[in-house]
Amino acid sequence: MHIAAVASVLPDHYYDQETLIATVRDHCAGRYHNISRIESIYRNVLVNGRHLALPIEEYDNLKTFTDSNNAFIKCAVDLGERAIRKGLEKAGLAPEDIDHLIFVSITGIATPSVDALLVNRMNLRRDIKRTPIFGLGCMAGAAGITKAVDYVKAYPNQVAVVLSVELCSLTLQRNDFSVANIVSSGLFGDAAAAVIVTGSERQQAAPAVVDTRSVFYHNTEHVMGWDISANGFKIVLSGQTPKIVESSLKPDIKCFLADNGLELKDIKRWLFHPGGPKILEAITNSLGITRDDLALSWKNLQEVGNVSSASILMILEDAIDNHPPAKGSYGFFNAMGPGFCAEMGLLKW
């Protein structure tokens, strides 16, 4: 099983963080007493700027959850098609080569699902298999790779595509001044990414996916997720998350690597979902690695913010296209999400 290509697409509407701070300041004037606290939080997440699904002035038109979700569907189909076509072109494949389309998102809902809409939009084959996945949050991109790998193990001559579209800006609760919502509104951005996974009987590319693993941490469902309300998705984000990461991650990664005859020192490319500065620092402390070892994760966070399940795919794209390790080297990817749980994979270039 190989990753033939990864391709990301960003919405056209980019705003630096200071512009977003000014917009929030105007929105909160006369409604929230401690605007300086919001500004401080926005700067402390270390995000330079973010891409938004819509022009910033159009967000005032989103009066209801229905408005936001309709915008999600339209933008998700547009960005999703662009990401898939870009990934297929990089892999030397065509839309008719797709045997299984896996769609992941946590920032909008649709029935028929977005993958079904894309079958019509892109005139994909009538016998295509589809798996829409909702609820895995930031780890869904990594989980999608796992599902695609499992699929091509069973069908080694076929092609599976994982598509993540996360439009976090469309979930913003503008009347929620909780710390969790302020942090998320300063941290999360929008993006789409597609991964092309091919079976062993197809032309091989690098990297190969050697193994994958899922880890569930019992009784931690309160750590992150959504509260679904009449106004849409209300963020649940616990300050306990970095502590859980720092205390629990290393033993599970060491066990996973040991089962593949490897140790931490054998990994030459560490790829982690950039949940935020405190999460990346917790990963560094847990594994005893350096900030430079997580350079691609820090770079992604700073350039586009946390884009939920698309983040790990964008980091994987950067590693494959721009920073591949030496031939024969091992890489590792990991993302965590609601549950609380983790999805990890071992790569070999």
Protein backbone atom coordinates (compact mmCIF):
# COMPACT_ATOMS: atom_id res chain seq x y z
CA MET A 1 0.00 0.00 0.00
CA HIS A 2 1.39 3.33 -1.05
CA ILE A 3 0.49 6.99 -0.90
CA ALA A 4 0.63 7.95 -4.56
CA ALA A 5 -0.04 11.65 -3.92
CA VAL A 6 -1.44 14.19 -1.50
CA ALA A 7 -2.94 17.49 -2.62
CA SER A 8 -4.34 20.34 -0.59
CA VAL A 9 -6.48 23.29 -1.64
CA LEU A 10 -7.06 26.47 0.34
CA PRO A 11 -10.00 28.87 -0.06
CA ASP A 12 -9.15 32.06 -1.91
CA HIS A 13 -9.99 34.32 1.04
CA TYR A 14 -6.87 34.78 3.20
CA TYR A 15 -6.62 37.09 6.21
CA ASP A 16 -3.63 37.70 8.43
CA GLN A 17 -4.22 37.30 12.15
CA GLU A 18 -4.08 41.03 12.90
CA THR A 19 -6.89 41.64 10.40
CA LEU A 20 -8.94 38.92 12.07
CA ILE A 21 -8.23 40.44 15.48
CA ALA A 22 -9.47 43.81 14.25
CA THR A 23 -12.66 42.19 12.92
CA VAL A 24 -13.30 40.45 16.24
CA ARG A 25 -12.60 43.69 18.11
CA ASP A 26 -15.28 45.47 16.06
CA HIS A 27 -17.73 42.60 16.56
CA CYS A 28 -17.23 42.48 20.34
CA ALA A 29 -17.26 46.22 20.99
CA GLY A 30 -19.97 46.95 23.57
CA ARG A 31 -20.76 43.24 23.94
CA TYR A 32 -17.74 41.85 25.78
CA HIS A 33 -15.85 43.61 28.55
CA ASN A 34 -12.36 42.15 28.08
CA ILE A 35 -11.43 42.52 24.42
CA SER A 36 -7.72 42.62 25.29
CA ARG A 37 -8.04 39.03 26.52
CA ILE A 38 -9.37 37.95 23.12
CA GLU A 39 -6.52 39.73 21.37
CA SER A 40 -3.99 38.04 23.66
CA ILE A 41 -5.45 34.58 23.00
CA TYR A 42 -5.44 35.16 19.24
CA ARG A 43 -1.76 36.08 19.33
CA ASN A 44 -0.76 33.28 21.71
CA VAL A 45 -1.95 30.53 19.37
CA LEU A 46 0.97 31.54 17.10
CA VAL A 47 -1.06 31.53 13.88
CA ASN A 48 0.04 34.10 11.31
CA GLY A 49 -3.13 33.99 9.24
CA ARG A 50 -5.93 31.78 7.93
CA HIS A 51 -7.94 31.05 4.84
CA LEU A 52 -11.73 31.38 5.20
CA ALA A 53 -14.42 29.68 3.16
CA LEU A 54 -16.18 32.99 2.49
CA PRO A 55 -15.13 36.62 2.21
CA ILE A 56 -15.04 37.92 5.77
CA GLU A 57 -17.85 40.43 5.20
CA GLU A 58 -20.26 37.63 4.23
CA TYR A 59 -20.19 35.94 7.65
CA ASP A 60 -22.65 38.50 9.01
CA ASN A 61 -25.20 37.05 6.57
CA LEU A 62 -25.07 33.65 8.28
CA LYS A 63 -27.95 34.11 10.72
CA THR A 64 -28.82 30.45 11.38
CA PHE A 65 -27.24 27.01 11.46
CA THR A 66 -29.06 26.34 8.17
CA ASP A 67 -27.30 29.29 6.55
CA SER A 68 -23.89 28.12 7.73
CA ASN A 69 -24.48 24.50 6.77
CA ASN A 70 -25.72 25.41 3.28
CA ALA A 71 -22.55 27.45 2.82
CA PHE A 72 -20.56 24.43 4.01
CA ILE A 73 -22.13 22.13 1.43
CA LYS A 74 -21.52 24.50 -1.46
CA CYS A 75 -17.93 25.31 -0.50
CA ALA A 76 -17.11 21.70 0.41
CA VAL A 77 -18.13 20.43 -3.01
CA ASP A 78 -16.14 23.14 -4.77
CA LEU A 79 -12.98 22.69 -2.71
CA GLY A 80 -13.35 18.91 -2.62
CA GLU A 81 -13.44 18.62 -6.38
CA ARG A 82 -10.37 20.82 -6.72
CA ALA A 83 -8.43 18.75 -4.17
CA ILE A 84 -9.33 15.41 -5.75
CA ARG A 85 -8.47 16.55 -9.27
CA LYS A 86 -5.17 18.02 -8.09
CA GLY A 87 -4.27 14.78 -6.26
CA LEU A 88 -5.18 12.59 -9.22
CA GLU A 89 -3.10 14.74 -11.56
CA LYS A 90 -0.09 14.45 -9.24
CA ALA A 91 -0.56 10.67 -9.14
CA GLY A 92 -1.00 10.33 -12.91
CA LEU A 93 -4.54 9.04 -12.52
CA ALA A 94 -7.98 10.05 -13.77
CA PRO A 95 -11.34 10.39 -12.00
CA GLU A 96 -12.52 7.10 -13.50
CA ASP A 97 -9.65 5.32 -11.71
CA ILE A 98 -11.21 5.93 -8.29
CA ASP A 99 -12.64 2.73 -6.80
CA HIS A 100 -13.42 3.98 -3.29
CA LEU A 101 -14.03 7.53 -2.10
CA ILE A 102 -13.75 8.19 1.65
CA PHE A 103 -15.02 11.58 2.78
CA VAL A 104 -14.23 12.98 6.24
CA SER A 105 -15.36 16.18 7.91
CA ILE A 106 -16.50 17.48 11.28
CA THR A 107 -17.62 20.99 10.27
CA GLY A 108 -20.80 20.35 8.30
CA ILE A 109 -23.40 17.71 7.45
CA ALA A 110 -25.22 16.70 4.29
CA THR A 111 -27.50 13.90 3.13
CA PRO A 112 -26.81 12.91 0.40
CA SER A 113 -23.27 13.30 1.68
CA VAL A 114 -20.64 15.47 0.01
CA ASP A 115 -18.99 12.42 -1.56
CA ALA A 116 -22.29 11.58 -3.30
CA LEU A 117 -22.55 15.13 -4.58
CA LEU A 118 -19.02 14.80 -5.93
CA VAL A 119 -19.86 11.60 -7.77
CA ASN A 120 -22.39 13.60 -9.76
CA ARG A 121 -20.24 16.72 -10.00
CA MET A 122 -17.21 14.80 -11.31
CA ASN A 123 -19.14 12.11 -13.20
CA LEU A 124 -17.41 9.34 -11.23
CA ARG A 125 -18.15 5.68 -11.94
CA ARG A 126 -21.54 4.30 -10.98
CA ASP A 127 -19.93 1.35 -9.18
CA ILE A 128 -17.75 3.54 -6.96
CA LYS A 129 -17.74 2.65 -3.26
CA ARG A 130 -18.28 5.51 -0.81
CA THR A 131 -17.64 5.91 2.90
CA PRO A 132 -18.63 9.22 4.50
CA ILE A 133 -17.24 9.62 8.03
CA PHE A 134 -18.42 12.19 10.57
CA GLY A 135 -17.44 12.57 14.23
CA LEU A 136 -13.72 11.77 14.33
CA GLY A 137 -12.70 15.41 14.43
CA CYS A 138 -9.06 16.32 13.93
CA MET A 139 -7.94 12.71 13.61
CA ALA A 140 -10.32 11.88 10.74
CA GLY A 141 -7.73 12.52 8.01
CA ALA A 142 -5.35 10.00 9.58
CA ALA A 143 -8.23 7.58 10.18
CA GLY A 144 -9.25 7.98 6.55
CA ILE A 145 -5.79 6.84 5.47
CA THR A 146 -6.16 3.80 7.72
CA LYS A 147 -9.51 2.92 6.12
CA ALA A 148 -8.09 3.42 2.63
CA VAL A 149 -5.10 1.20 3.43
CA ASP A 150 -7.40 -1.53 4.76
CA TYR A 151 -9.41 -1.29 1.54
CA VAL A 152 -6.49 -1.64 -0.87
CA LYS A 153 -5.15 -4.53 1.19
CA ALA A 154 -8.31 -6.38 0.21
CA TYR A 155 -8.27 -5.00 -3.36
CA PRO A 156 -4.58 -4.56 -4.23
CA ASN A 157 -5.24 -3.47 -7.82
CA GLN A 158 -7.53 -0.61 -6.82
CA VAL A 159 -7.35 3.07 -5.85
CA ALA A 160 -8.85 4.68 -2.76
CA VAL A 161 -9.14 8.43 -2.29
CA VAL A 162 -9.42 10.09 1.11
CA LEU A 163 -10.96 13.56 0.97
CA SER A 164 -11.03 15.90 3.96
CA VAL A 165 -12.87 19.22 3.81
CA GLU A 166 -12.92 21.27 6.99
CA LEU A 167 -14.54 24.71 6.99
CA CYS A 168 -14.08 25.58 10.64
CA SER A 169 -14.96 29.24 10.16
CA LEU A 170 -18.54 28.25 9.35
CA THR A 171 -18.99 26.74 12.83
CA LEU A 172 -18.09 29.94 14.69
CA GLN A 173 -20.48 30.83 17.52
CA ARG A 174 -20.26 34.62 17.49
CA ASN A 175 -22.24 35.09 20.72
CA ASP A 176 -20.22 32.56 22.72
CA PHE A 177 -17.50 34.26 24.77
CA SER A 178 -16.28 31.13 26.53
CA VAL A 179 -12.52 30.53 26.58
CA ALA A 180 -12.94 27.41 24.45
CA ASN A 181 -14.79 29.31 21.73
CA ILE A 182 -12.37 32.25 21.80
CA VAL A 183 -9.39 29.89 21.48
CA SER A 184 -11.00 27.96 18.63
CA SER A 185 -12.03 31.12 16.79
CA GLY A 186 -8.41 32.27 16.89
CA LEU A 187 -6.90 28.90 16.02
CA PHE A 188 -8.94 27.14 13.35
CA GLY A 189 -8.94 27.77 9.61
CA ASP A 190 -10.36 26.23 6.44
CA ALA A 191 -8.88 23.83 3.88
CA ALA A 192 -9.42 20.69 1.82
CA ALA A 193 -6.96 17.88 1.12
CA ALA A 194 -7.06 14.62 -0.81
CA VAL A 195 -4.84 11.54 -0.42
CA ILE A 196 -4.50 8.99 -3.23
CA VAL A 197 -3.82 5.51 -1.83
CA THR A 198 -2.93 2.66 -4.19
CA GLY A 199 -2.72 -1.09 -3.70
CA SER A 200 0.37 -3.26 -4.08
CA GLU A 201 -0.49 -4.30 -7.64
CA ARG A 202 -0.49 -0.70 -8.80
CA GLN A 203 2.60 1.29 -9.75
CA GLN A 204 4.42 1.86 -6.48
CA ALA A 205 5.16 5.29 -5.08
CA ALA A 206 6.76 6.59 -1.92
CA PRO A 207 6.02 6.43 0.89
CA ALA A 208 4.61 2.99 1.59
CA VAL A 209 2.22 2.59 4.51
CA VAL A 210 3.81 -0.17 6.59
CA ASP A 211 1.28 -0.35 9.41
CA THR A 212 -1.47 1.63 11.16
CA ARG A 213 -2.98 1.62 14.63
CA SER A 214 -5.91 3.10 16.51
CA VAL A 215 -5.78 3.92 20.23
CA PHE A 216 -8.81 4.77 22.39
CA TYR A 217 -8.44 6.40 25.81
CA HIS A 218 -11.35 5.30 27.98
CA ASN A 219 -13.53 7.80 29.85
CA THR A 220 -12.10 10.89 28.16
CA GLU A 221 -15.09 11.82 26.00
CA HIS A 222 -15.33 15.17 27.80
CA VAL A 223 -11.96 16.33 26.44
CA MET A 224 -13.06 17.58 23.02
CA GLY A 225 -15.95 17.51 20.60
CA TRP A 226 -19.16 19.39 19.77
CA ASP A 227 -22.24 20.26 21.74
CA ILE A 228 -24.94 20.28 19.07
CA SER A 229 -27.33 23.16 19.69
CA ALA A 230 -30.00 25.10 17.84
CA ASN A 231 -27.19 27.43 16.73
CA GLY A 232 -25.04 24.63 15.36
CA PHE A 233 -21.72 23.28 16.57
CA LYS A 234 -20.52 24.58 19.95
CA ILE A 235 -16.91 23.68 20.69
CA VAL A 236 -15.92 21.44 23.60
CA LEU A 237 -12.22 21.88 24.31
CA SER A 238 -10.69 20.90 27.64
CA GLY A 239 -7.49 22.28 29.09
CA GLN A 240 -6.67 18.69 30.13
CA THR A 241 -5.79 17.67 26.58
CA PRO A 242 -2.06 18.55 26.69
CA LYS A 243 -1.69 16.61 29.96
CA ILE A 244 -3.34 13.53 28.47
CA VAL A 245 -1.10 13.78 25.41
CA GLU A 246 2.06 14.17 27.47
CA SER A 247 1.28 11.27 29.81
CA SER A 248 -0.23 8.77 27.37
CA LEU A 249 1.24 9.21 23.91
CA LYS A 250 4.78 7.86 24.30
CA PRO A 251 3.90 4.35 25.62
CA ASP A 252 1.44 3.78 22.78
CA ILE A 253 3.84 4.97 20.09
CA LYS A 254 6.69 2.90 21.53
CA CYS A 255 4.47 -0.19 21.58
CA PHE A 256 3.37 0.41 17.98
CA LEU A 257 6.93 0.86 16.78
CA ALA A 258 8.19 -2.15 18.77
CA ASP A 259 5.59 -4.34 17.09
CA ASN A 260 7.26 -3.32 13.83
CA GLY A 261 10.79 -3.93 15.14
CA LEU A 262 11.55 -0.22 15.55
CA GLU A 263 12.37 2.34 18.23
CA LEU A 264 11.77 6.07 18.52
CA LYS A 265 15.28 6.79 17.22
CA ASP A 266 14.49 4.98 13.96
CA ILE A 267 11.89 7.58 12.91
CA LYS A 268 13.38 10.21 10.61
CA ARG A 269 10.22 12.18 9.87
CA TRP A 270 7.70 12.96 12.63
CA LEU A 271 4.32 14.18 11.35
CA PHE A 272 1.79 15.26 13.98
CA HIS A 273 -1.50 17.07 13.75
CA PRO A 274 -0.85 20.60 15.08
CA GLY A 275 -3.67 20.90 17.58
CA GLY A 276 -2.12 24.08 18.93
CA PRO A 277 1.13 25.25 20.56
CA LYS A 278 0.43 23.49 23.85
CA ILE A 279 -0.32 20.21 22.08
CA LEU A 280 2.88 20.35 20.03
CA GLU A 281 4.87 21.18 23.16
CA ALA A 282 3.25 18.23 24.96
CA ILE A 283 4.23 15.91 22.09
CA THR A 284 7.81 17.18 22.23
CA ASN A 285 7.97 16.63 26.00
CA SER A 286 6.37 13.21 25.81
CA LEU A 287 8.63 11.77 23.13
CA GLY A 288 11.82 13.57 24.10
CA ILE A 289 12.21 15.00 20.60
CA THR A 290 13.02 18.57 19.59
CA ARG A 291 10.95 21.39 18.17
CA ASP A 292 12.89 20.95 14.93
CA ASP A 293 11.60 17.37 14.73
CA LEU A 294 8.10 18.85 14.51
CA ALA A 295 9.09 21.63 12.13
CA LEU A 296 6.50 20.70 9.50
CA SER A 297 3.71 20.70 12.08
CA TRP A 298 4.74 24.08 13.48
CA LYS A 299 5.01 25.48 9.95
CA ASN A 300 1.51 24.31 9.05
CA LEU A 301 0.04 25.74 12.25
CA GLN A 302 1.67 29.11 11.71
CA GLU A 303 0.78 29.42 8.04
CA VAL A 304 -2.87 28.29 7.98
CA GLY A 305 -3.91 27.49 11.56
CA ASN A 306 -5.46 24.26 12.74
CA VAL A 307 -7.62 22.98 9.87
CA SER A 308 -8.89 19.95 11.78
CA SER A 309 -8.69 16.66 9.86
CA ALA A 310 -7.08 18.30 6.81
CA SER A 311 -4.02 19.41 8.79
CA ILE A 312 -2.25 16.05 8.97
CA LEU A 313 -2.85 15.52 5.25
CA MET A 314 -1.33 18.90 4.42
CA ILE A 315 1.70 18.11 6.59
CA LEU A 316 2.03 14.74 4.86
CA GLU A 317 1.89 16.51 1.50
CA ASP A 318 4.68 18.86 2.58
CA ALA A 319 6.82 15.94 3.74
CA ILE A 320 6.34 13.96 0.52
CA ASP A 321 6.74 16.85 -1.91
CA ASN A 322 9.31 19.03 -0.18
CA HIS A 323 11.00 17.22 2.72
CA PRO A 324 11.28 13.48 2.02
CA PRO A 325 13.83 11.64 4.15
CA ALA A 326 16.46 9.36 2.61
CA LYS A 327 15.27 6.30 0.73
CA GLY A 328 14.56 3.48 3.16
CA SER A 329 13.89 5.86 6.06
CA TYR A 330 10.85 5.59 8.31
CA GLY A 331 8.26 8.24 9.01
CA PHE A 332 5.40 8.37 11.49
CA PHE A 333 2.09 10.24 11.41
CA ASN A 334 -0.37 10.81 14.23
CA ALA A 335 -3.56 12.76 14.87
CA MET A 336 -5.89 12.82 17.86
CA GLY A 337 -9.56 13.59 18.14
CA PRO A 338 -12.84 13.24 20.05
CA GLY A 339 -13.17 10.08 22.01
CA PHE A 340 -10.43 10.85 23.15
CA CYS A 341 -8.41 8.77 20.73
CA ALA A 342 -5.44 8.67 18.37
CA GLU A 343 -4.79 7.34 14.89
CA MET A 344 -1.23 6.59 13.86
CA GLY A 345 0.66 5.19 10.93
CA LEU A 346 4.15 4.01 10.01
CA LEU A 347 5.60 5.09 6.67
CA LYS A 348 8.66 3.95 4.71
CA TRP A 349 10.22 5.96 1.92
